[in-house]
Amino acid sequence: MTKRTSVWIFLFPLLHLCACVTIALAKLESGVHYLIYADMPLSLFLVMLGWRNDNFLLWFATLGTLWWYFLAWVGYSLISDLWESN
């Protein structure tokens, strides 16, 4: 039996991407600081590597969105496995 992918997997990555696009269009540097807190384990690595780069927000948006997709996929897999075992 194959697992159906839920639409909910894409919710948090889409919210992260929309927040990054909004920050880029509005040129809100303080918005990046709030997203750094939301992406904490990954953002520590990204900030150490390239905070002073010109294209930091592009890297942050791309890798942060992938990070949220990974987290949502792992969470969905765990929940669906628990749900099927009961």
PDB file of N, CA and C in Angstrom:
ATOM      1  N   MET A   1       0.837  -1.177   0.000  1.00  0.00           N
ATOM      2  CA  MET A   1       0.000   0.000   0.000  1.00  0.00           C
ATOM      3  C   MET A   1       0.887   1.248   0.000  1.00  0.00           C
ATOM      4  N   THR A   2       0.611   2.165  -0.850  1.00  0.00           N
ATOM      5  CA  THR A   2       1.420   3.382  -0.940  1.00  0.00           C
ATOM      6  C   THR A   2       0.806   4.485  -0.090  1.00  0.00           C
ATOM      7  N   LYS A   3       1.677   5.354   0.407  1.00  0.00           N
ATOM      8  CA  LYS A   3       1.211   6.489   1.199  1.00  0.00           C
ATOM      9  C   LYS A   3       0.836   7.636   0.276  1.00  0.00           C
ATOM     10  N   ARG A   4      -0.276   8.267   0.577  1.00  0.00           N
ATOM     11  CA  ARG A   4      -0.657   9.474  -0.147  1.00  0.00           C
ATOM     12  C   ARG A   4      -0.037  10.669   0.543  1.00  0.00           C
ATOM     13  N   THR A   5       0.542  11.547  -0.236  1.00  0.00           N
ATOM     14  CA  THR A   5       1.138  12.748   0.328  1.00  0.00           C
ATOM     15  C   THR A   5       0.039  13.735   0.687  1.00  0.00           C
ATOM     16  N   SER A   6       0.128  14.225   1.882  1.00  0.00           N
ATOM     17  CA  SER A   6      -0.858  15.190   2.358  1.00  0.00           C
ATOM     18  C   SER A   6      -0.492  16.593   1.881  1.00  0.00           C
ATOM     19  N   VAL A   7      -1.505  17.402   1.704  1.00  0.00           N
ATOM     20  CA  VAL A   7      -1.301  18.797   1.321  1.00  0.00           C
ATOM     21  C   VAL A   7      -0.651  19.568   2.462  1.00  0.00           C
ATOM     22  N   TRP A   8      -0.836  19.104   3.695  1.00  0.00           N
ATOM     23  CA  TRP A   8      -0.299  19.797   4.865  1.00  0.00           C
ATOM     24  C   TRP A   8       1.222  19.817   4.889  1.00  0.00           C
ATOM     25  N   ILE A   9       1.862  18.906   4.168  1.00  0.00           N
ATOM     26  CA  ILE A   9       3.328  18.883   4.114  1.00  0.00           C
ATOM     27  C   ILE A   9       3.858  20.181   3.509  1.00  0.00           C
ATOM     28  N   PHE A  10       3.114  20.767   2.614  1.00  0.00           N
ATOM     29  CA  PHE A  10       3.579  21.949   1.899  1.00  0.00           C
ATOM     30  C   PHE A  10       3.219  23.263   2.594  1.00  0.00           C
ATOM     31  N   LEU A  11       2.489  23.221   3.696  1.00  0.00           N
ATOM     32  CA  LEU A  11       2.032  24.444   4.348  1.00  0.00           C
ATOM     33  C   LEU A  11       3.184  25.254   4.945  1.00  0.00           C
ATOM     34  N   PHE A  12       3.999  24.651   5.803  1.00  0.00           N
ATOM     35  CA  PHE A  12       5.086  25.395   6.447  1.00  0.00           C
ATOM     36  C   PHE A  12       6.169  25.839   5.467  1.00  0.00           C
ATOM     37  N   PRO A  13       6.571  24.989   4.509  1.00  0.00           N
ATOM     38  CA  PRO A  13       7.532  25.499   3.522  1.00  0.00           C
ATOM     39  C   PRO A  13       6.984  26.667   2.704  1.00  0.00           C
ATOM     40  N   LEU A  14       5.717  26.619   2.361  1.00  0.00           N
ATOM     41  CA  LEU A  14       5.115  27.705   1.600  1.00  0.00           C
ATOM     42  C   LEU A  14       5.049  28.986   2.428  1.00  0.00           C
ATOM     43  N   LEU A  15       4.721  28.862   3.703  1.00  0.00           N
ATOM     44  CA  LEU A  15       4.714  30.036   4.581  1.00  0.00           C
ATOM     45  C   LEU A  15       6.109  30.640   4.712  1.00  0.00           C
ATOM     46  N   HIS A  16       7.121  29.799   4.810  1.00  0.00           N
ATOM     47  CA  HIS A  16       8.496  30.285   4.914  1.00  0.00           C
ATOM     48  C   HIS A  16       8.900  31.009   3.637  1.00  0.00           C
ATOM     49  N   LEU A  17       8.585  30.431   2.507  1.00  0.00           N
ATOM     50  CA  LEU A  17       8.932  31.053   1.230  1.00  0.00           C
ATOM     51  C   LEU A  17       8.201  32.381   1.046  1.00  0.00           C
ATOM     52  N   CYS A  18       6.932  32.427   1.415  1.00  0.00           N
ATOM     53  CA  CYS A  18       6.176  33.687   1.312  1.00  0.00           C
ATOM     54  C   CYS A  18       6.745  34.757   2.241  1.00  0.00           C
ATOM     55  N   ALA A  19       7.161  34.350   3.439  1.00  0.00           N
ATOM     56  CA  ALA A  19       7.765  35.312   4.365  1.00  0.00           C
ATOM     57  C   ALA A  19       9.072  35.857   3.796  1.00  0.00           C
ATOM     58  N   CYS A  20       9.877  35.001   3.186  1.00  0.00           N
ATOM     59  CA  CYS A  20      11.144  35.450   2.599  1.00  0.00           C
ATOM     60  C   CYS A  20      10.915  36.386   1.413  1.00  0.00           C
ATOM     61  N   VAL A  21       9.936  36.085   0.588  1.00  0.00           N
ATOM     62  CA  VAL A  21       9.621  36.951  -0.548  1.00  0.00           C
ATOM     63  C   VAL A  21       9.105  38.292  -0.053  1.00  0.00           C
ATOM     64  N   THR A  22       8.264  38.288   0.970  1.00  0.00           N
ATOM     65  CA  THR A  22       7.756  39.537   1.535  1.00  0.00           C
ATOM     66  C   THR A  22       8.888  40.377   2.119  1.00  0.00           C
ATOM     67  N   ILE A  23       9.797  39.729   2.820  1.00  0.00           N
ATOM     68  CA  ILE A  23      10.938  40.446   3.404  1.00  0.00           C
ATOM     69  C   ILE A  23      11.808  41.046   2.305  1.00  0.00           C
ATOM     70  N   ALA A  24      12.012  40.298   1.228  1.00  0.00           N
ATOM     71  CA  ALA A  24      12.844  40.796   0.132  1.00  0.00           C
ATOM     72  C   ALA A  24      12.181  41.962  -0.593  1.00  0.00           C
ATOM     73  N   LEU A  25      10.885  41.866  -0.841  1.00  0.00           N
ATOM     74  CA  LEU A  25      10.189  42.936  -1.561  1.00  0.00           C
ATOM     75  C   LEU A  25      10.058  44.195  -0.711  1.00  0.00           C
ATOM     76  N   ALA A  26       9.837  44.030   0.585  1.00  0.00           N
ATOM     77  CA  ALA A  26       9.664  45.185   1.461  1.00  0.00           C
ATOM     78  C   ALA A  26      10.994  45.699   2.015  1.00  0.00           C
ATOM     79  N   LYS A  27      12.057  44.971   1.749  1.00  0.00           N
ATOM     80  CA  LYS A  27      13.402  45.328   2.233  1.00  0.00           C
ATOM     81  C   LYS A  27      13.411  45.500   3.761  1.00  0.00           C
ATOM     82  N   LEU A  28      12.836  44.531   4.440  1.00  0.00           N
ATOM     83  CA  LEU A  28      12.775  44.523   5.900  1.00  0.00           C
ATOM     84  C   LEU A  28      13.903  43.669   6.456  1.00  0.00           C
ATOM     85  N   GLU A  29      14.978  44.283   6.854  1.00  0.00           N
ATOM     86  CA  GLU A  29      16.079  43.504   7.398  1.00  0.00           C
ATOM     87  C   GLU A  29      15.722  42.924   8.764  1.00  0.00           C
ATOM     88  N   SER A  30      14.861  43.597   9.503  1.00  0.00           N
ATOM     89  CA  SER A  30      14.473  43.058  10.808  1.00  0.00           C
ATOM     90  C   SER A  30      13.638  41.786  10.657  1.00  0.00           C
ATOM     91  N   GLY A  31      12.968  41.608   9.539  1.00  0.00           N
ATOM     92  CA  GLY A  31      12.193  40.394   9.299  1.00  0.00           C
ATOM     93  C   GLY A  31      13.068  39.168   9.200  1.00  0.00           C
ATOM     94  N   VAL A  32      14.282  39.350   8.694  1.00  0.00           N
ATOM     95  CA  VAL A  32      15.211  38.231   8.600  1.00  0.00           C
ATOM     96  C   VAL A  32      15.578  37.735   9.993  1.00  0.00           C
ATOM     97  N   HIS A  33      15.696  38.651  10.933  1.00  0.00           N
ATOM     98  CA  HIS A  33      16.056  38.264  12.296  1.00  0.00           C
ATOM     99  C   HIS A  33      14.988  37.363  12.914  1.00  0.00           C
ATOM    100  N   TYR A  34      13.720  37.645  12.648  1.00  0.00           N
ATOM    101  CA  TYR A  34      12.656  36.798  13.178  1.00  0.00           C
ATOM    102  C   TYR A  34      12.664  35.421  12.534  1.00  0.00           C
ATOM    103  N   LEU A  35      12.948  35.364  11.255  1.00  0.00           N
ATOM    104  CA  LEU A  35      13.013  34.064  10.590  1.00  0.00           C
ATOM    105  C   LEU A  35      14.220  33.256  11.048  1.00  0.00           C
ATOM    106  N   ILE A  36      15.281  33.929  11.409  1.00  0.00           N
ATOM    107  CA  ILE A  36      16.450  33.212  11.933  1.00  0.00           C
ATOM    108  C   ILE A  36      16.070  32.464  13.209  1.00  0.00           C
ATOM    109  N   TYR A  37      15.255  33.081  14.044  1.00  0.00           N
ATOM    110  CA  TYR A  37      14.801  32.391  15.253  1.00  0.00           C
ATOM    111  C   TYR A  37      13.895  31.205  14.916  1.00  0.00           C
ATOM    112  N   ALA A  38      13.081  31.333  13.906  1.00  0.00           N
ATOM    113  CA  ALA A  38      12.173  30.255  13.530  1.00  0.00           C
ATOM    114  C   ALA A  38      12.912  29.063  12.925  1.00  0.00           C
ATOM    115  N   ASP A  39      14.009  29.323  12.242  1.00  0.00           N
ATOM    116  CA  ASP A  39      14.781  28.256  11.593  1.00  0.00           C
ATOM    117  C   ASP A  39      16.019  27.890  12.402  1.00  0.00           C
ATOM    118  N   MET A  40      15.935  27.930  13.695  1.00  0.00           N
ATOM    119  CA  MET A  40      17.104  27.956  14.565  1.00  0.00           C
ATOM    120  C   MET A  40      18.212  26.934  14.279  1.00  0.00           C
ATOM    121  N   PRO A  41      18.022  25.661  14.207  1.00  0.00           N
ATOM    122  CA  PRO A  41      19.216  24.821  14.015  1.00  0.00           C
ATOM    123  C   PRO A  41      19.905  25.091  12.674  1.00  0.00           C
ATOM    124  N   LEU A  42      19.135  25.248  11.638  1.00  0.00           N
ATOM    125  CA  LEU A  42      19.713  25.496  10.317  1.00  0.00           C
ATOM    126  C   LEU A  42      20.248  26.914  10.197  1.00  0.00           C
ATOM    127  N   SER A  43      19.579  27.865  10.799  1.00  0.00           N
ATOM    128  CA  SER A  43      19.984  29.258  10.638  1.00  0.00           C
ATOM    129  C   SER A  43      21.323  29.561  11.304  1.00  0.00           C
ATOM    130  N   LEU A  44      21.668  28.847  12.360  1.00  0.00           N
ATOM    131  CA  LEU A  44      22.989  29.042  12.966  1.00  0.00           C
ATOM    132  C   LEU A  44      24.087  28.742  11.953  1.00  0.00           C
ATOM    133  N   PHE A  45      23.921  27.668  11.224  1.00  0.00           N
ATOM    134  CA  PHE A  45      24.878  27.289  10.195  1.00  0.00           C
ATOM    135  C   PHE A  45      24.921  28.324   9.070  1.00  0.00           C
ATOM    136  N   LEU A  46      23.763  28.768   8.629  1.00  0.00           N
ATOM    137  CA  LEU A  46      23.708  29.744   7.535  1.00  0.00           C
ATOM    138  C   LEU A  46      24.282  31.099   7.930  1.00  0.00           C
ATOM    139  N   VAL A  47      24.014  31.528   9.143  1.00  0.00           N
ATOM    140  CA  VAL A  47      24.522  32.826   9.600  1.00  0.00           C
ATOM    141  C   VAL A  47      26.044  32.781   9.721  1.00  0.00           C
ATOM    142  N   MET A  48      26.579  31.671  10.212  1.00  0.00           N
ATOM    143  CA  MET A  48      28.031  31.552  10.315  1.00  0.00           C
ATOM    144  C   MET A  48      28.697  31.585   8.943  1.00  0.00           C
ATOM    145  N   LEU A  49      28.041  31.004   7.951  1.00  0.00           N
ATOM    146  CA  LEU A  49      28.654  30.941   6.622  1.00  0.00           C
ATOM    147  C   LEU A  49      28.525  32.221   5.811  1.00  0.00           C
ATOM    148  N   GLY A  50      27.377  32.879   5.894  1.00  0.00           N
ATOM    149  CA  GLY A  50      27.228  33.949   4.933  1.00  0.00           C
ATOM    150  C   GLY A  50      26.380  35.129   5.298  1.00  0.00           C
ATOM    151  N   TRP A  51      26.405  35.587   6.523  1.00  0.00           N
ATOM    152  CA  TRP A  51      25.584  36.737   6.894  1.00  0.00           C
ATOM    153  C   TRP A  51      25.944  37.974   6.091  1.00  0.00           C
ATOM    154  N   ARG A  52      27.210  38.163   5.791  1.00  0.00           N
ATOM    155  CA  ARG A  52      27.653  39.374   5.092  1.00  0.00           C
ATOM    156  C   ARG A  52      27.589  39.255   3.572  1.00  0.00           C
ATOM    157  N   ASN A  53      27.151  38.124   3.052  1.00  0.00           N
ATOM    158  CA  ASN A  53      27.025  37.977   1.601  1.00  0.00           C
ATOM    159  C   ASN A  53      25.865  38.809   1.069  1.00  0.00           C
ATOM    160  N   ASP A  54      25.999  39.223  -0.172  1.00  0.00           N
ATOM    161  CA  ASP A  54      24.926  40.003  -0.794  1.00  0.00           C
ATOM    162  C   ASP A  54      23.677  39.173  -1.035  1.00  0.00           C
ATOM    163  N   ASN A  55      23.852  37.897  -1.291  1.00  0.00           N
ATOM    164  CA  ASN A  55      22.713  37.042  -1.608  1.00  0.00           C
ATOM    165  C   ASN A  55      22.342  36.126  -0.444  1.00  0.00           C
ATOM    166  N   PHE A  56      22.516  36.615   0.787  1.00  0.00           N
ATOM    167  CA  PHE A  56      22.190  35.814   1.969  1.00  0.00           C
ATOM    168  C   PHE A  56      20.719  35.440   2.002  1.00  0.00           C
ATOM    169  N   LEU A  57      19.834  36.366   1.703  1.00  0.00           N
ATOM    170  CA  LEU A  57      18.401  36.077   1.766  1.00  0.00           C
ATOM    171  C   LEU A  57      18.002  35.020   0.736  1.00  0.00           C
ATOM    172  N   LEU A  58      18.634  35.013  -0.407  1.00  0.00           N
ATOM    173  CA  LEU A  58      18.349  33.982  -1.407  1.00  0.00           C
ATOM    174  C   LEU A  58      18.731  32.597  -0.887  1.00  0.00           C
ATOM    175  N   TRP A  59      19.917  32.488  -0.300  1.00  0.00           N
ATOM    176  CA  TRP A  59      20.338  31.214   0.282  1.00  0.00           C
ATOM    177  C   TRP A  59      19.444  30.829   1.453  1.00  0.00           C
ATOM    178  N   PHE A  60      19.122  31.803   2.267  1.00  0.00           N
ATOM    179  CA  PHE A  60      18.287  31.555   3.437  1.00  0.00           C
ATOM    180  C   PHE A  60      16.890  31.103   3.022  1.00  0.00           C
ATOM    181  N   ALA A  61      16.341  31.722   2.004  1.00  0.00           N
ATOM    182  CA  ALA A  61      15.003  31.343   1.535  1.00  0.00           C
ATOM    183  C   ALA A  61      15.008  29.938   0.952  1.00  0.00           C
ATOM    184  N   THR A  62      16.004  29.633   0.159  1.00  0.00           N
ATOM    185  CA  THR A  62      16.064  28.323  -0.491  1.00  0.00           C
ATOM    186  C   THR A  62      16.291  27.207   0.526  1.00  0.00           C
ATOM    187  N   LEU A  63      17.341  27.334   1.313  1.00  0.00           N
ATOM    188  CA  LEU A  63      17.665  26.273   2.264  1.00  0.00           C
ATOM    189  C   LEU A  63      16.671  26.207   3.416  1.00  0.00           C
ATOM    190  N   GLY A  64      16.140  27.342   3.838  1.00  0.00           N
ATOM    191  CA  GLY A  64      15.123  27.342   4.889  1.00  0.00           C
ATOM    192  C   GLY A  64      13.829  26.692   4.444  1.00  0.00           C
ATOM    193  N   THR A  65      13.431  26.926   3.215  1.00  0.00           N
ATOM    194  CA  THR A  65      12.221  26.298   2.686  1.00  0.00           C
ATOM    195  C   THR A  65      12.412  24.793   2.568  1.00  0.00           C
ATOM    196  N   LEU A  66      13.570  24.378   2.114  1.00  0.00           N
ATOM    197  CA  LEU A  66      13.872  22.938   2.059  1.00  0.00           C
ATOM    198  C   LEU A  66      13.914  22.334   3.463  1.00  0.00           C
ATOM    199  N   TRP A  67      14.439  23.092   4.427  1.00  0.00           N
ATOM    200  CA  TRP A  67      14.470  22.637   5.815  1.00  0.00           C
ATOM    201  C   TRP A  67      13.059  22.411   6.347  1.00  0.00           C
ATOM    202  N   TRP A  68      12.152  23.357   6.087  1.00  0.00           N
ATOM    203  CA  TRP A  68      10.778  23.199   6.555  1.00  0.00           C
ATOM    204  C   TRP A  68      10.061  22.070   5.844  1.00  0.00           C
ATOM    205  N   TYR A  69      10.377  21.847   4.570  1.00  0.00           N
ATOM    206  CA  TYR A  69       9.792  20.711   3.865  1.00  0.00           C
ATOM    207  C   TYR A  69      10.277  19.407   4.485  1.00  0.00           C
ATOM    208  N   PHE A  70      11.572  19.334   4.796  1.00  0.00           N
ATOM    209  CA  PHE A  70      12.117  18.141   5.434  1.00  0.00           C
ATOM    210  C   PHE A  70      11.453  17.878   6.778  1.00  0.00           C
ATOM    211  N   LEU A  71      11.316  18.916   7.607  1.00  0.00           N
ATOM    212  CA  LEU A  71      10.675  18.757   8.908  1.00  0.00           C
ATOM    213  C   LEU A  71       9.218  18.309   8.769  1.00  0.00           C
ATOM    214  N   ALA A  72       8.505  18.890   7.825  1.00  0.00           N
ATOM    215  CA  ALA A  72       7.102  18.515   7.621  1.00  0.00           C
ATOM    216  C   ALA A  72       6.988  17.084   7.116  1.00  0.00           C
ATOM    217  N   TRP A  73       7.894  16.683   6.255  1.00  0.00           N
ATOM    218  CA  TRP A  73       7.877  15.322   5.717  1.00  0.00           C
ATOM    219  C   TRP A  73       8.175  14.301   6.816  1.00  0.00           C
ATOM    220  N   VAL A  74       9.166  14.581   7.659  1.00  0.00           N
ATOM    221  CA  VAL A  74       9.486  13.683   8.768  1.00  0.00           C
ATOM    222  C   VAL A  74       8.310  13.600   9.733  1.00  0.00           C
ATOM    223  N   GLY A  75       7.735  14.746  10.076  1.00  0.00           N
ATOM    224  CA  GLY A  75       6.590  14.751  10.973  1.00  0.00           C
ATOM    225  C   GLY A  75       5.402  13.997  10.399  1.00  0.00           C
ATOM    226  N   TYR A  76       5.136  14.190   9.125  1.00  0.00           N
ATOM    227  CA  TYR A  76       4.031  13.482   8.480  1.00  0.00           C
ATOM    228  C   TYR A  76       4.294  11.979   8.445  1.00  0.00           C
ATOM    229  N   SER A  77       5.530  11.594   8.164  1.00  0.00           N
ATOM    230  CA  SER A  77       5.866  10.168   8.128  1.00  0.00           C
ATOM    231  C   SER A  77       5.689   9.517   9.491  1.00  0.00           C
ATOM    232  N   LEU A  78       6.144  10.203  10.539  1.00  0.00           N
ATOM    233  CA  LEU A  78       5.994   9.653  11.887  1.00  0.00           C
ATOM    234  C   LEU A  78       4.537   9.548  12.294  1.00  0.00           C
ATOM    235  N   ILE A  79       3.778  10.591  12.025  1.00  0.00           N
ATOM    236  CA  ILE A  79       2.362  10.573  12.407  1.00  0.00           C
ATOM    237  C   ILE A  79       1.582   9.531  11.618  1.00  0.00           C
ATOM    238  N   SER A  80       1.863   9.427  10.316  1.00  0.00           N
ATOM    239  CA  SER A  80       1.129   8.442   9.514  1.00  0.00           C
ATOM    240  C   SER A  80       1.505   7.016   9.897  1.00  0.00           C
ATOM    241  N   ASP A  81       2.764   6.778  10.273  1.00  0.00           N
ATOM    242  CA  ASP A  81       3.156   5.453  10.752  1.00  0.00           C
ATOM    243  C   ASP A  81       2.470   5.115  12.067  1.00  0.00           C
ATOM    244  N   LEU A  82       2.391   6.076  12.971  1.00  0.00           N
ATOM    245  CA  LEU A  82       1.701   5.854  14.237  1.00  0.00           C
ATOM    246  C   LEU A  82       0.203   5.639  14.016  1.00  0.00           C
ATOM    247  N   TRP A  83      -0.366   6.387  13.091  1.00  0.00           N
ATOM    248  CA  TRP A  83      -1.788   6.285  12.803  1.00  0.00           C
ATOM    249  C   TRP A  83      -2.122   4.919  12.204  1.00  0.00           C
ATOM    250  N   GLU A  84      -1.248   4.403  11.328  1.00  0.00           N
ATOM    251  CA  GLU A  84      -1.485   3.099  10.694  1.00  0.00           C
ATOM    252  C   GLU A  84      -1.281   1.947  11.646  1.00  0.00           C
ATOM    253  N   SER A  85      -0.419   2.117  12.653  1.00  0.00           N
ATOM    254  CA  SER A  85      -0.164   1.029  13.594  1.00  0.00           C
ATOM    255  C   SER A  85      -1.320   0.830  14.574  1.00  0.00           C
ATOM    256  N   ASN A  86      -2.148   1.856  14.748  1.00  0.00           N
ATOM    257  CA  ASN A  86      -3.286   1.736  15.680  1.00  0.00           C
ATOM    258  C   ASN A  86      -4.481   1.206  15.009  1.00  0.00           C
TER     259      ASN A  86
END
